[in-house]
Amino acid sequence: MRRLLPVPSTPDEPDVDLVEAYAYPPDRTWLRANMVASLDGAAQAPDGLSAGLSSPADKRVFGVLRGLADVIVVGAATVRQEGYRPPRPRPAYAAARAAAGQLPAPVIAIVSRSLAIDFTTPLFTEAVTPTIVITCEEAQPKGLAAAAEYGDVLLAGRDRVDLGLALDALAARGLTRQLTEGGPHVLAQIAACGRLDELCLTVSPLLTSGPAHRLLAGPALPEAQAMRPISILEENGALFSRYVRA
């Protein structure tokens, strides 16, 4: 197993090997998930957050994946629990993103049927590019009005969010390098509609037990989705694997 490179000398200096290792396939829409789990399969630490399973190396991979992405699709519950803030342009990625025709920073796209979202948080008030709210046509009118005032609304589905339609709509906007950070319910929906191209999975060398969600939380898939490993890295006991659809 290859080890990750030493920590870059400055926060804005890219880890070149990781950028190369996690490069998106060219000239196509590609959705990857970035998730972390304990050795016993928990997607959250006992406090209900993912941070307790993370590590400095995991945060570096997290930063690289965001630095390469056009859009980050995430569920509203994860946004609330993890205290999401808007991504900022990073000098280390500025030239490459400009050359690829990307926005200076990835856009956050929040998936929510209920629209129980605080639109006064920095995720909306300080976003470099307006945060996208993915919802459905029959969402609460008051919530739709607030989402349109503070963000960019994307309607996908009539009475529930159709993530397949949403991902197609994002790609039609040129946001083809797609990244999801979950949570487990959103990831399960993405897998169920057959759109999960790649899973970047960090396995933390910790045991937690308890009632935490699995990586995917939802009804069983109609058919198990076969995945093929394409790379694995290791640092301080944590494993960083990549799986693509077989």
Protein backbone atom coordinates (compact mmCIF):
# COMPACT_ATOMS: atom_id res chain seq x y z
CA MET A 1 0.00 0.00 0.00
CA ARG A 2 1.23 3.48 -0.84
CA ARG A 3 1.39 6.05 1.91
CA LEU A 4 0.09 9.57 1.54
CA LEU A 5 2.67 12.27 1.02
CA PRO A 6 3.87 14.41 3.96
CA VAL A 7 1.72 17.40 4.85
CA PRO A 8 2.25 20.25 2.33
CA SER A 9 4.41 23.13 3.57
CA THR A 10 1.57 25.66 3.35
CA PRO A 11 -2.23 25.24 3.62
CA ASP A 12 -2.72 26.44 0.02
CA GLU A 13 -0.07 24.19 -1.56
CA PRO A 14 -1.69 21.23 -3.33
CA ASP A 15 -0.67 17.67 -2.60
CA VAL A 16 0.28 16.86 -6.20
CA ASP A 17 0.11 13.10 -5.84
CA LEU A 18 -3.37 13.23 -4.36
CA VAL A 19 -4.59 15.62 -7.06
CA GLU A 20 -3.36 13.18 -9.68
CA ALA A 21 -4.69 10.15 -7.83
CA TYR A 22 -8.18 11.59 -7.48
CA ALA A 23 -8.49 13.29 -10.87
CA TYR A 24 -11.94 13.05 -12.44
CA PRO A 25 -12.35 11.07 -15.66
CA PRO A 26 -12.26 13.55 -18.56
CA ASP A 27 -15.15 14.54 -20.80
CA ARG A 28 -18.00 12.92 -18.89
CA THR A 29 -20.30 13.44 -15.91
CA TRP A 30 -18.98 11.59 -12.87
CA LEU A 31 -20.41 11.39 -9.37
CA ARG A 32 -18.20 10.30 -6.50
CA ALA A 33 -19.03 9.99 -2.82
CA ASN A 34 -16.59 10.82 -0.06
CA MET A 35 -17.43 9.04 3.19
CA VAL A 36 -15.67 7.97 6.38
CA ALA A 37 -16.49 4.95 8.53
CA SER A 38 -15.19 3.25 11.64
CA LEU A 39 -13.76 -0.26 11.52
CA ASP A 40 -17.13 -1.59 12.63
CA GLY A 41 -19.02 0.30 9.92
CA ALA A 42 -20.33 3.40 11.71
CA ALA A 43 -20.71 6.48 9.53
CA GLN A 44 -20.63 8.78 12.58
CA ALA A 45 -18.73 8.90 15.83
CA PRO A 46 -20.74 8.40 19.07
CA ASP A 47 -21.52 12.15 19.15
CA GLY A 48 -23.38 11.79 15.84
CA LEU A 49 -20.77 13.68 13.80
CA SER A 50 -18.22 12.40 11.31
CA ALA A 51 -15.38 14.56 12.67
CA GLY A 52 -14.59 12.05 15.42
CA LEU A 53 -13.68 9.48 12.76
CA SER A 54 -11.50 11.84 10.75
CA SER A 55 -7.75 12.53 10.86
CA PRO A 56 -5.29 15.03 9.35
CA ALA A 57 -4.80 12.73 6.32
CA ASP A 58 -8.56 12.36 5.89
CA LYS A 59 -8.94 16.13 5.96
CA ARG A 60 -6.29 16.42 3.22
CA VAL A 61 -8.17 13.98 1.01
CA PHE A 62 -11.40 15.86 1.83
CA GLY A 63 -9.78 19.12 0.71
CA VAL A 64 -8.44 17.65 -2.52
CA LEU A 65 -11.81 16.15 -3.45
CA ARG A 66 -13.48 19.50 -2.89
CA GLY A 67 -10.73 21.28 -4.79
CA LEU A 68 -11.44 19.12 -7.85
CA ALA A 69 -15.26 19.19 -7.76
CA ASP A 70 -17.76 21.45 -9.52
CA VAL A 71 -20.60 20.78 -7.08
CA ILE A 72 -21.02 19.16 -3.65
CA VAL A 73 -24.39 17.46 -3.17
CA VAL A 74 -25.35 17.05 0.48
CA GLY A 75 -28.47 16.41 2.53
CA ALA A 76 -29.99 19.17 4.66
CA ALA A 77 -29.64 17.09 7.84
CA THR A 78 -25.90 16.74 7.26
CA VAL A 79 -25.62 20.48 6.61
CA ARG A 80 -27.28 21.20 9.96
CA GLN A 81 -25.39 18.58 11.96
CA GLU A 82 -21.95 19.29 10.55
CA GLY A 83 -22.30 23.10 10.45
CA TYR A 84 -21.54 23.52 6.75
CA ARG A 85 -19.98 26.74 5.54
CA PRO A 86 -19.49 27.86 1.93
CA PRO A 87 -16.34 26.60 0.18
CA ARG A 88 -13.77 29.30 -0.47
CA PRO A 89 -11.53 29.67 -3.54
CA ARG A 90 -8.12 28.17 -2.78
CA PRO A 91 -5.06 29.61 -4.52
CA ALA A 92 -3.58 26.12 -4.89
CA TYR A 93 -6.40 25.16 -7.27
CA ALA A 94 -7.09 28.53 -8.92
CA ALA A 95 -5.08 28.01 -12.11
CA ALA A 96 -6.25 24.44 -12.72
CA ARG A 97 -9.89 25.34 -12.10
CA ALA A 98 -9.69 28.34 -14.43
CA ALA A 99 -8.03 26.25 -17.15
CA ALA A 100 -10.78 23.62 -16.82
CA GLY A 101 -13.52 26.26 -17.02
CA GLN A 102 -14.59 25.64 -13.42
CA LEU A 103 -15.94 28.17 -10.96
CA PRO A 104 -13.38 29.46 -8.43
CA ALA A 105 -14.88 27.19 -5.75
CA PRO A 106 -17.34 24.29 -5.82
CA VAL A 107 -21.03 25.02 -5.32
CA ILE A 108 -22.95 23.44 -2.44
CA ALA A 109 -26.24 21.81 -3.50
CA ILE A 110 -28.51 20.97 -0.54
CA VAL A 111 -31.13 18.24 -0.94
CA SER A 112 -34.30 18.96 1.06
CA ARG A 113 -37.98 18.01 0.70
CA SER A 114 -39.12 19.90 3.81
CA LEU A 115 -36.96 23.01 3.28
CA ALA A 116 -36.36 23.16 7.03
CA ILE A 117 -33.22 25.17 6.36
CA ASP A 118 -31.78 28.24 8.06
CA PHE A 119 -31.25 30.58 5.12
CA THR A 120 -29.50 33.20 7.29
CA THR A 121 -26.37 31.06 7.84
CA PRO A 122 -23.05 31.83 6.10
CA LEU A 123 -23.74 28.95 3.69
CA PHE A 124 -26.21 31.32 2.03
CA THR A 125 -25.15 34.80 3.08
CA GLU A 126 -21.42 34.38 2.37
CA ALA A 127 -21.37 31.95 -0.56
CA VAL A 128 -19.09 32.94 -3.46
CA THR A 129 -21.59 31.32 -5.84
CA PRO A 130 -25.23 31.05 -4.67
CA THR A 131 -25.91 27.82 -2.82
CA ILE A 132 -28.30 25.54 -4.73
CA VAL A 133 -31.37 24.11 -3.00
CA ILE A 134 -32.63 20.89 -4.59
CA THR A 135 -36.27 20.28 -3.75
CA CYS A 136 -39.54 19.25 -5.40
CA GLU A 137 -42.50 21.07 -6.93
CA GLU A 138 -44.83 20.40 -3.99
CA ALA A 139 -42.45 21.69 -1.34
CA GLN A 140 -43.87 24.23 1.10
CA PRO A 141 -44.49 27.54 -0.79
CA LYS A 142 -43.05 29.64 2.05
CA GLY A 143 -39.88 27.54 2.03
CA LEU A 144 -39.63 27.77 -1.75
CA ALA A 145 -39.89 31.57 -1.57
CA ALA A 146 -37.13 31.74 1.05
CA ALA A 147 -34.92 29.37 -0.93
CA ALA A 148 -35.37 31.50 -4.05
CA GLU A 149 -34.57 34.68 -2.10
CA TYR A 150 -31.36 33.42 -0.53
CA GLY A 151 -30.17 30.74 -2.93
CA ASP A 152 -30.67 29.07 -6.30
CA VAL A 153 -33.64 26.67 -6.46
CA LEU A 154 -33.54 23.50 -8.52
CA LEU A 155 -36.86 21.63 -8.75
CA ALA A 156 -36.52 17.89 -9.34
CA GLY A 157 -39.63 15.77 -9.00
CA ARG A 158 -43.25 16.53 -8.15
CA ASP A 159 -43.96 15.34 -4.60
CA ARG A 160 -40.49 14.11 -3.65
CA VAL A 161 -36.95 14.91 -4.70
CA ASP A 162 -35.87 12.84 -7.70
CA LEU A 163 -32.10 12.76 -7.37
CA GLY A 164 -31.62 11.31 -10.85
CA LEU A 165 -33.36 14.35 -12.35
CA ALA A 166 -31.43 16.66 -10.00
CA LEU A 167 -28.04 15.26 -11.00
CA ASP A 168 -28.96 15.55 -14.69
CA ALA A 169 -29.97 19.18 -14.13
CA LEU A 170 -26.68 19.94 -12.39
CA ALA A 171 -24.77 18.37 -15.30
CA ALA A 172 -26.81 20.45 -17.75
CA ARG A 173 -25.52 23.53 -15.92
CA GLY A 174 -21.97 22.35 -16.58
CA LEU A 175 -21.49 20.93 -13.08
CA THR A 176 -20.26 17.54 -14.27
CA ARG A 177 -17.58 16.85 -11.64
CA GLN A 178 -20.01 15.89 -8.94
CA LEU A 179 -19.18 15.06 -5.32
CA THR A 180 -21.52 13.98 -2.56
CA GLU A 181 -20.66 14.00 1.12
CA GLY A 182 -23.87 12.26 2.12
CA GLY A 183 -25.31 11.85 4.54
CA PRO A 184 -26.24 8.18 4.50
CA HIS A 185 -29.85 8.81 3.43
CA VAL A 186 -28.84 10.91 0.41
CA LEU A 187 -26.12 8.44 -0.54
CA ALA A 188 -28.64 5.59 -0.40
CA GLN A 189 -30.96 7.50 -2.75
CA ILE A 190 -28.12 8.19 -5.17
CA ALA A 191 -27.14 4.53 -5.21
CA ALA A 192 -30.78 3.49 -5.64
CA CYS A 193 -31.14 5.55 -8.82
CA GLY A 194 -27.92 4.09 -10.22
CA ARG A 195 -25.85 7.28 -10.18
CA LEU A 196 -23.00 6.37 -7.82
CA ASP A 197 -19.95 6.09 -10.07
CA GLU A 198 -17.30 6.05 -7.36
CA LEU A 199 -16.98 5.68 -3.60
CA CYS A 200 -13.99 7.25 -1.86
CA LEU A 201 -14.06 5.53 1.51
CA THR A 202 -11.88 6.37 4.49
CA VAL A 203 -11.78 3.54 7.03
CA SER A 204 -10.78 4.96 10.41
CA PRO A 205 -8.84 2.61 12.73
CA LEU A 206 -11.47 3.00 15.45
CA LEU A 207 -14.20 0.82 16.92
CA THR A 208 -17.33 2.64 18.10
CA SER A 209 -20.34 0.29 18.37
CA GLY A 210 -23.65 2.06 19.12
CA PRO A 211 -26.64 2.90 16.88
CA ALA A 212 -24.84 4.93 14.19
CA HIS A 213 -26.01 4.82 10.56
CA ARG A 214 -24.25 2.70 7.97
CA LEU A 215 -22.75 4.50 4.95
CA LEU A 216 -26.07 4.01 3.18
CA ALA A 217 -29.26 4.37 5.22
CA GLY A 218 -32.47 3.48 3.43
CA PRO A 219 -34.43 0.61 1.92
CA ALA A 220 -32.41 -2.26 0.51
CA LEU A 221 -31.35 -1.72 -3.10
CA PRO A 222 -33.34 -3.78 -5.61
CA GLU A 223 -30.04 -5.38 -6.61
CA ALA A 224 -26.70 -5.16 -4.82
CA GLN A 225 -24.38 -2.80 -6.71
CA ALA A 226 -21.02 -4.37 -7.50
CA MET A 227 -18.01 -2.09 -6.99
CA ARG A 228 -14.42 -2.59 -8.09
CA PRO A 229 -11.42 -1.32 -6.06
CA ILE A 230 -9.00 0.82 -8.03
CA SER A 231 -6.67 2.24 -5.36
CA ILE A 232 -5.85 2.18 -1.67
CA LEU A 233 -3.61 4.45 0.41
CA GLU A 234 -2.67 4.28 4.08
CA GLU A 235 -1.49 6.71 6.73
CA ASN A 236 -1.33 6.18 10.51
CA GLY A 237 -3.65 3.19 10.32
CA ALA A 238 -6.38 4.87 8.26
CA LEU A 239 -7.16 3.40 4.84
CA PHE A 240 -8.18 5.56 1.88
CA SER A 241 -9.81 3.43 -0.80
CA ARG A 242 -11.48 4.11 -4.12
CA TYR A 243 -14.14 1.88 -5.62
CA VAL A 244 -15.85 2.36 -8.99
CA ARG A 245 -18.86 0.64 -10.47
CA ALA A 246 -17.93 -2.77 -11.79
